[in-house]
Amino acid sequence: YYIKHQEDVITRRTKYELAKAEARAHILEGLTIALDHLDAVITTIRESRTADIARTALMEGFKL
């Protein structure tokens, strides 16, 4: 029973850490895209009335 429990613990922990790493990688990819197109990002944000509109425009315009 103990070994099976240890396997379960390690499996769950590894899946959790993988999910966190994938989420972090997704954020870093978005930041890289934003930095590559910094002028367009700034223009989009300034021309948007609200943060929600800016977020939507950035996600659609840069495939984020």
N, C-alpha and C. Protein backbone atom coordinates (compact mmCIF):
# COMPACT_ATOMS: atom_id res chain seq x y z
N TYR A 1 0.82 -1.20 0.00
CA TYR A 1 0.00 0.00 0.00
C TYR A 1 0.87 1.27 0.00
N TYR A 2 1.94 1.21 0.73
CA TYR A 2 2.78 2.40 0.84
C TYR A 2 3.40 2.78 -0.51
N ILE A 3 3.90 1.80 -1.23
CA ILE A 3 4.55 2.08 -2.51
C ILE A 3 3.53 2.63 -3.51
N LYS A 4 2.34 2.07 -3.54
CA LYS A 4 1.29 2.58 -4.42
C LYS A 4 0.95 4.02 -4.06
N HIS A 5 0.88 4.31 -2.78
CA HIS A 5 0.61 5.67 -2.32
C HIS A 5 1.71 6.61 -2.78
N GLN A 6 2.95 6.21 -2.64
CA GLN A 6 4.08 7.04 -3.06
C GLN A 6 4.03 7.29 -4.57
N GLU A 7 3.67 6.28 -5.34
CA GLU A 7 3.54 6.44 -6.79
C GLU A 7 2.46 7.48 -7.11
N ASP A 8 1.34 7.39 -6.41
CA ASP A 8 0.25 8.35 -6.62
C ASP A 8 0.68 9.77 -6.27
N VAL A 9 1.38 9.91 -5.16
CA VAL A 9 1.84 11.23 -4.73
C VAL A 9 2.79 11.83 -5.76
N ILE A 10 3.74 11.04 -6.21
CA ILE A 10 4.72 11.53 -7.18
C ILE A 10 4.05 11.86 -8.51
N THR A 11 3.11 11.03 -8.94
CA THR A 11 2.40 11.27 -10.19
C THR A 11 1.59 12.56 -10.12
N ARG A 12 0.85 12.76 -9.04
CA ARG A 12 0.05 13.98 -8.89
C ARG A 12 0.94 15.21 -8.82
N ARG A 13 2.02 15.12 -8.07
CA ARG A 13 2.93 16.26 -7.94
C ARG A 13 3.55 16.63 -9.29
N THR A 14 3.95 15.61 -10.03
CA THR A 14 4.57 15.85 -11.33
C THR A 14 3.58 16.48 -12.30
N LYS A 15 2.34 16.00 -12.32
CA LYS A 15 1.32 16.59 -13.19
C LYS A 15 1.05 18.05 -12.81
N TYR A 16 1.02 18.33 -11.51
CA TYR A 16 0.80 19.69 -11.04
C TYR A 16 1.94 20.61 -11.48
N GLU A 17 3.17 20.15 -11.29
CA GLU A 17 4.33 20.95 -11.68
C GLU A 17 4.38 21.16 -13.19
N LEU A 18 3.99 20.15 -13.96
CA LEU A 18 3.94 20.28 -15.41
C LEU A 18 2.91 21.33 -15.83
N ALA A 19 1.75 21.29 -15.21
CA ALA A 19 0.70 22.27 -15.53
C ALA A 19 1.17 23.69 -15.22
N LYS A 20 1.85 23.87 -14.09
CA LYS A 20 2.37 25.19 -13.74
C LYS A 20 3.41 25.65 -14.75
N ALA A 21 4.29 24.75 -15.16
CA ALA A 21 5.33 25.09 -16.13
C ALA A 21 4.73 25.44 -17.48
N GLU A 22 3.70 24.71 -17.89
CA GLU A 22 3.05 25.00 -19.17
C GLU A 22 2.34 26.35 -19.12
N ALA A 23 1.72 26.67 -18.00
CA ALA A 23 1.05 27.97 -17.85
C ALA A 23 2.08 29.09 -17.91
N ARG A 24 3.20 28.90 -17.26
CA ARG A 24 4.27 29.90 -17.26
C ARG A 24 4.83 30.08 -18.68
N ALA A 25 5.01 28.98 -19.39
CA ALA A 25 5.52 29.04 -20.77
C ALA A 25 4.56 29.81 -21.66
N HIS A 26 3.26 29.61 -21.45
CA HIS A 26 2.24 30.31 -22.24
C HIS A 26 2.35 31.83 -22.01
N ILE A 27 2.51 32.22 -20.77
CA ILE A 27 2.65 33.64 -20.44
C ILE A 27 3.91 34.22 -21.07
N LEU A 28 5.01 33.49 -20.98
CA LEU A 28 6.26 33.97 -21.55
C LEU A 28 6.20 34.08 -23.07
N GLU A 29 5.49 33.16 -23.71
CA GLU A 29 5.31 33.25 -25.16
C GLU A 29 4.54 34.51 -25.53
N GLY A 30 3.51 34.81 -24.75
CA GLY A 30 2.73 36.03 -24.99
C GLY A 30 3.56 37.29 -24.79
N LEU A 31 4.39 37.29 -23.76
CA LEU A 31 5.26 38.45 -23.53
C LEU A 31 6.28 38.62 -24.65
N THR A 32 6.79 37.51 -25.16
CA THR A 32 7.74 37.56 -26.27
C THR A 32 7.08 38.17 -27.50
N ILE A 33 5.86 37.73 -27.80
CA ILE A 33 5.13 38.29 -28.94
C ILE A 33 4.88 39.78 -28.73
N ALA A 34 4.49 40.16 -27.52
CA ALA A 34 4.22 41.57 -27.23
C ALA A 34 5.49 42.41 -27.38
N LEU A 35 6.61 41.90 -26.92
CA LEU A 35 7.86 42.65 -27.05
C LEU A 35 8.30 42.79 -28.51
N ASP A 36 8.04 41.77 -29.30
CA ASP A 36 8.40 41.82 -30.72
C ASP A 36 7.57 42.85 -31.48
N HIS A 37 6.38 43.15 -30.98
CA HIS A 37 5.47 44.10 -31.63
C HIS A 37 5.09 45.22 -30.66
N LEU A 38 6.06 45.73 -29.96
CA LEU A 38 5.81 46.66 -28.86
C LEU A 38 5.06 47.93 -29.30
N ASP A 39 5.45 48.51 -30.41
CA ASP A 39 4.77 49.74 -30.86
C ASP A 39 3.30 49.50 -31.16
N ALA A 40 3.00 48.39 -31.82
CA ALA A 40 1.61 48.07 -32.14
C ALA A 40 0.81 47.78 -30.88
N VAL A 41 1.43 47.13 -29.91
CA VAL A 41 0.76 46.82 -28.64
C VAL A 41 0.42 48.12 -27.91
N ILE A 42 1.37 49.03 -27.85
CA ILE A 42 1.13 50.30 -27.16
C ILE A 42 0.02 51.09 -27.86
N THR A 43 0.05 51.12 -29.17
CA THR A 43 -0.98 51.82 -29.93
C THR A 43 -2.36 51.22 -29.68
N THR A 44 -2.43 49.90 -29.69
CA THR A 44 -3.70 49.21 -29.44
C THR A 44 -4.24 49.55 -28.06
N ILE A 45 -3.38 49.54 -27.07
CA ILE A 45 -3.80 49.83 -25.70
C ILE A 45 -4.28 51.28 -25.58
N ARG A 46 -3.55 52.20 -26.17
CA ARG A 46 -3.92 53.62 -26.08
C ARG A 46 -5.23 53.93 -26.80
N GLU A 47 -5.49 53.22 -27.89
CA GLU A 47 -6.71 53.48 -28.66
C GLU A 47 -7.94 52.79 -28.08
N SER A 48 -7.76 51.92 -27.12
CA SER A 48 -8.89 51.19 -26.53
C SER A 48 -9.50 52.00 -25.40
N ARG A 49 -10.81 51.94 -25.30
CA ARG A 49 -11.51 52.68 -24.25
C ARG A 49 -11.35 52.05 -22.88
N THR A 50 -11.41 50.72 -22.83
CA THR A 50 -11.32 50.02 -21.55
C THR A 50 -10.25 48.93 -21.62
N ALA A 51 -9.91 48.42 -20.47
CA ALA A 51 -8.93 47.34 -20.40
C ALA A 51 -9.45 46.08 -21.07
N ASP A 52 -10.75 45.82 -20.94
CA ASP A 52 -11.33 44.63 -21.58
C ASP A 52 -11.26 44.72 -23.10
N ILE A 53 -11.53 45.89 -23.63
CA ILE A 53 -11.45 46.07 -25.08
C ILE A 53 -10.00 45.91 -25.54
N ALA A 54 -9.07 46.47 -24.79
CA ALA A 54 -7.65 46.34 -25.13
C ALA A 54 -7.22 44.88 -25.10
N ARG A 55 -7.63 44.17 -24.07
CA ARG A 55 -7.27 42.75 -23.93
C ARG A 55 -7.80 41.95 -25.11
N THR A 56 -9.05 42.18 -25.47
CA THR A 56 -9.66 41.46 -26.59
C THR A 56 -8.94 41.78 -27.90
N ALA A 57 -8.65 43.06 -28.11
CA ALA A 57 -7.96 43.47 -29.34
C ALA A 57 -6.57 42.85 -29.43
N LEU A 58 -5.86 42.81 -28.32
CA LEU A 58 -4.52 42.22 -28.33
C LEU A 58 -4.58 40.71 -28.58
N MET A 59 -5.54 40.05 -27.96
CA MET A 59 -5.66 38.60 -28.14
C MET A 59 -6.02 38.27 -29.58
N GLU A 60 -6.89 39.05 -30.18
CA GLU A 60 -7.28 38.78 -31.57
C GLU A 60 -6.19 39.21 -32.55
N GLY A 61 -5.57 40.34 -32.29
CA GLY A 61 -4.58 40.88 -33.22
C GLY A 61 -3.26 40.12 -33.23
N PHE A 62 -2.90 39.55 -32.10
CA PHE A 62 -1.60 38.87 -32.00
C PHE A 62 -1.72 37.39 -31.70
N LYS A 63 -2.92 36.86 -31.81
CA LYS A 63 -3.16 35.42 -31.59
C LYS A 63 -2.68 34.98 -30.21
N LEU A 64 -3.02 35.77 -29.21
CA LEU A 64 -2.64 35.44 -27.83
C LEU A 64 -3.73 34.66 -27.14
